[in-house]
N, C-alpha and C. Protein backbone atom coordinates (compact mmCIF):
# COMPACT_ATOMS: atom_id res chain seq x y z
N UNK A 1 19.97 89.87 33.68
CA UNK A 1 21.36 89.91 34.09
C UNK A 1 21.94 91.28 33.70
N UNK A 2 22.89 91.73 34.50
CA UNK A 2 23.60 92.97 34.18
C UNK A 2 25.10 92.67 34.10
N UNK A 3 25.80 93.42 33.27
CA UNK A 3 27.24 93.22 33.14
C UNK A 3 27.99 94.23 34.00
N UNK A 4 29.04 93.75 34.61
CA UNK A 4 29.97 94.58 35.37
C UNK A 4 31.38 94.07 35.06
N UNK A 5 32.37 94.86 35.40
CA UNK A 5 33.76 94.47 35.12
C UNK A 5 34.56 94.35 36.40
N UNK A 6 35.24 93.24 36.54
CA UNK A 6 36.15 93.08 37.67
C UNK A 6 37.30 94.08 37.51
N UNK A 7 38.11 94.24 38.52
CA UNK A 7 39.22 95.19 38.46
C UNK A 7 40.22 94.83 37.35
N UNK A 8 40.31 93.53 36.99
CA UNK A 8 41.22 93.11 35.91
C UNK A 8 40.57 93.25 34.54
N UNK A 9 39.42 93.96 34.47
CA UNK A 9 38.67 94.27 33.25
C UNK A 9 37.89 93.08 32.69
N UNK A 10 37.85 91.96 33.41
CA UNK A 10 37.06 90.81 32.98
C UNK A 10 35.57 91.13 33.16
N UNK A 11 34.81 91.02 32.09
CA UNK A 11 33.37 91.26 32.17
C UNK A 11 32.68 90.05 32.78
N UNK A 12 31.79 90.31 33.73
CA UNK A 12 30.99 89.24 34.31
C UNK A 12 29.53 89.69 34.32
N UNK A 13 28.64 88.74 34.34
CA UNK A 13 27.21 89.02 34.36
C UNK A 13 26.66 88.54 35.69
N UNK A 14 25.87 89.40 36.35
CA UNK A 14 25.29 89.01 37.63
C UNK A 14 23.78 89.17 37.58
N UNK A 15 23.13 88.40 38.41
CA UNK A 15 21.68 88.48 38.55
C UNK A 15 21.38 89.58 39.57
N UNK A 16 20.77 90.68 39.15
CA UNK A 16 20.53 91.78 40.09
C UNK A 16 19.57 91.44 41.22
N UNK A 17 18.80 90.38 41.06
CA UNK A 17 17.90 89.96 42.13
C UNK A 17 18.67 89.36 43.31
N UNK A 18 19.94 89.01 43.08
CA UNK A 18 20.76 88.44 44.15
C UNK A 18 21.60 89.48 44.88
N UNK A 19 21.55 90.74 44.43
CA UNK A 19 22.35 91.79 45.06
C UNK A 19 21.73 92.15 46.41
N UNK A 20 22.55 92.04 47.44
CA UNK A 20 22.10 92.38 48.79
C UNK A 20 22.56 93.79 49.17
N UNK A 21 23.85 94.07 48.95
CA UNK A 21 24.38 95.41 49.24
C UNK A 21 25.42 95.78 48.19
N UNK A 22 25.61 97.11 48.05
CA UNK A 22 26.67 97.65 47.19
C UNK A 22 27.38 98.70 48.02
N UNK A 23 28.71 98.56 48.13
CA UNK A 23 29.49 99.49 48.95
C UNK A 23 30.62 100.11 48.13
N UNK A 24 30.99 101.33 48.49
CA UNK A 24 32.18 101.98 47.94
C UNK A 24 33.22 101.99 49.04
N UNK A 25 34.32 101.25 48.86
CA UNK A 25 35.27 101.06 49.97
C UNK A 25 36.74 101.37 49.68
N UNK A 26 37.29 102.10 48.83
CA UNK A 26 36.71 102.93 47.78
C UNK A 26 36.32 102.15 46.53
N UNK A 27 36.84 100.91 46.35
CA UNK A 27 36.36 100.11 45.22
C UNK A 27 34.91 99.72 45.47
N UNK A 28 34.20 99.45 44.40
CA UNK A 28 32.80 99.04 44.54
C UNK A 28 32.75 97.55 44.86
N UNK A 29 32.11 97.21 45.97
CA UNK A 29 31.98 95.83 46.39
C UNK A 29 30.49 95.46 46.38
N UNK A 30 30.16 94.44 45.60
CA UNK A 30 28.78 93.96 45.50
C UNK A 30 28.68 92.68 46.32
N UNK A 31 27.81 92.68 47.31
CA UNK A 31 27.56 91.48 48.11
C UNK A 31 26.27 90.85 47.63
N UNK A 32 26.34 89.55 47.37
CA UNK A 32 25.18 88.82 46.90
C UNK A 32 24.53 88.04 48.03
N UNK A 33 23.28 87.69 47.86
CA UNK A 33 22.57 86.92 48.88
C UNK A 33 23.18 85.54 49.07
N UNK A 34 24.00 85.11 48.13
CA UNK A 34 24.66 83.80 48.22
C UNK A 34 25.88 83.84 49.14
N UNK A 35 26.26 85.07 49.58
CA UNK A 35 27.45 85.23 50.41
C UNK A 35 28.68 85.63 49.61
N UNK A 36 28.60 85.56 48.29
CA UNK A 36 29.73 85.93 47.44
C UNK A 36 29.85 87.45 47.40
N UNK A 37 31.11 87.91 47.36
CA UNK A 37 31.39 89.35 47.25
C UNK A 37 32.21 89.57 45.99
N UNK A 38 31.82 90.59 45.22
CA UNK A 38 32.50 90.91 43.97
C UNK A 38 33.03 92.33 44.04
N UNK A 39 34.28 92.53 43.64
CA UNK A 39 34.86 93.86 43.55
C UNK A 39 34.87 94.23 42.07
N UNK A 40 34.24 95.36 41.74
CA UNK A 40 34.08 95.75 40.35
C UNK A 40 34.59 97.16 40.10
N UNK A 41 34.86 97.47 38.82
CA UNK A 41 35.38 98.78 38.42
C UNK A 41 34.33 99.88 38.46
N UNK A 42 33.09 99.54 38.13
CA UNK A 42 32.04 100.55 38.02
C UNK A 42 31.76 101.20 39.38
N UNK A 43 31.53 102.51 39.38
CA UNK A 43 31.13 103.17 40.63
C UNK A 43 29.75 102.67 41.08
N UNK A 44 29.46 102.84 42.35
CA UNK A 44 28.18 102.40 42.92
C UNK A 44 27.01 102.93 42.10
N UNK A 45 27.07 104.21 41.74
CA UNK A 45 25.95 104.83 41.02
C UNK A 45 25.67 104.15 39.69
N UNK A 46 26.72 103.70 39.00
CA UNK A 46 26.55 103.03 37.71
C UNK A 46 25.90 101.66 37.92
N UNK A 47 26.34 100.94 38.92
CA UNK A 47 25.75 99.62 39.20
C UNK A 47 24.28 99.77 39.57
N UNK A 48 23.97 100.75 40.41
CA UNK A 48 22.58 100.99 40.81
C UNK A 48 21.73 101.33 39.59
N UNK A 49 22.25 102.18 38.71
CA UNK A 49 21.51 102.56 37.50
C UNK A 49 21.26 101.35 36.59
N UNK A 50 22.25 100.47 36.48
CA UNK A 50 22.08 99.24 35.68
C UNK A 50 20.98 98.36 36.27
N UNK A 51 20.94 98.27 37.60
CA UNK A 51 19.90 97.47 38.25
C UNK A 51 18.53 98.10 38.01
N UNK A 52 18.44 99.43 38.13
CA UNK A 52 17.17 100.12 37.90
C UNK A 52 16.70 99.89 36.47
N UNK A 53 17.59 100.05 35.50
CA UNK A 53 17.23 99.85 34.10
C UNK A 53 16.78 98.41 33.85
N UNK A 54 17.48 97.44 34.45
CA UNK A 54 17.11 96.03 34.31
C UNK A 54 15.70 95.79 34.86
N UNK A 55 15.44 96.31 36.04
CA UNK A 55 14.12 96.09 36.65
C UNK A 55 13.02 96.80 35.88
N UNK A 56 13.31 97.98 35.32
CA UNK A 56 12.32 98.65 34.47
C UNK A 56 12.01 97.80 33.26
N UNK A 57 13.05 97.26 32.64
CA UNK A 57 12.87 96.43 31.46
C UNK A 57 12.04 95.19 31.78
N UNK A 58 12.35 94.54 32.88
CA UNK A 58 11.59 93.36 33.30
C UNK A 58 10.15 93.75 33.60
N UNK A 59 9.95 94.86 34.32
CA UNK A 59 8.60 95.32 34.65
C UNK A 59 7.81 95.64 33.40
N UNK A 60 8.43 96.27 32.42
CA UNK A 60 7.75 96.60 31.18
C UNK A 60 7.36 95.33 30.45
N UNK A 61 8.23 94.33 30.42
CA UNK A 61 7.92 93.06 29.76
C UNK A 61 6.74 92.38 30.43
N UNK A 62 6.72 92.36 31.75
CA UNK A 62 5.62 91.74 32.48
C UNK A 62 4.33 92.48 32.20
N UNK A 63 4.38 93.81 32.21
CA UNK A 63 3.20 94.61 31.97
C UNK A 63 2.65 94.36 30.57
N UNK A 64 3.53 94.38 29.56
CA UNK A 64 3.04 94.23 28.18
C UNK A 64 2.57 92.80 27.93
N UNK A 65 3.16 91.81 28.56
CA UNK A 65 2.69 90.43 28.41
C UNK A 65 1.32 90.28 29.08
N UNK A 66 1.13 90.95 30.20
CA UNK A 66 -0.12 90.84 30.94
C UNK A 66 -1.29 91.48 30.20
N UNK A 67 -1.06 92.64 29.57
CA UNK A 67 -2.17 93.33 28.89
C UNK A 67 -2.31 92.94 27.43
N UNK A 68 -1.47 92.03 26.96
CA UNK A 68 -1.61 91.50 25.62
C UNK A 68 -0.88 92.27 24.55
N UNK A 69 -0.15 93.35 24.90
CA UNK A 69 0.61 94.09 23.91
C UNK A 69 2.04 93.64 23.94
N UNK A 70 2.77 93.87 22.87
CA UNK A 70 4.18 93.52 22.84
C UNK A 70 5.00 94.65 22.30
């Protein structure tokens, strides 16, 4: 899960595997595969970087579990 902030500064956590699109309209709008749309404070680039870091972390965990290292 990654954290993002709604425009009212409320922190929410989303599953990055459900992200379908991210748009700057000029607010950042995250569309999920569930059909839900979220407007967040973070710029598109920050959300994308959070997703990349999350997937790297997950990939590293899978790799280290697979080869027996932790």
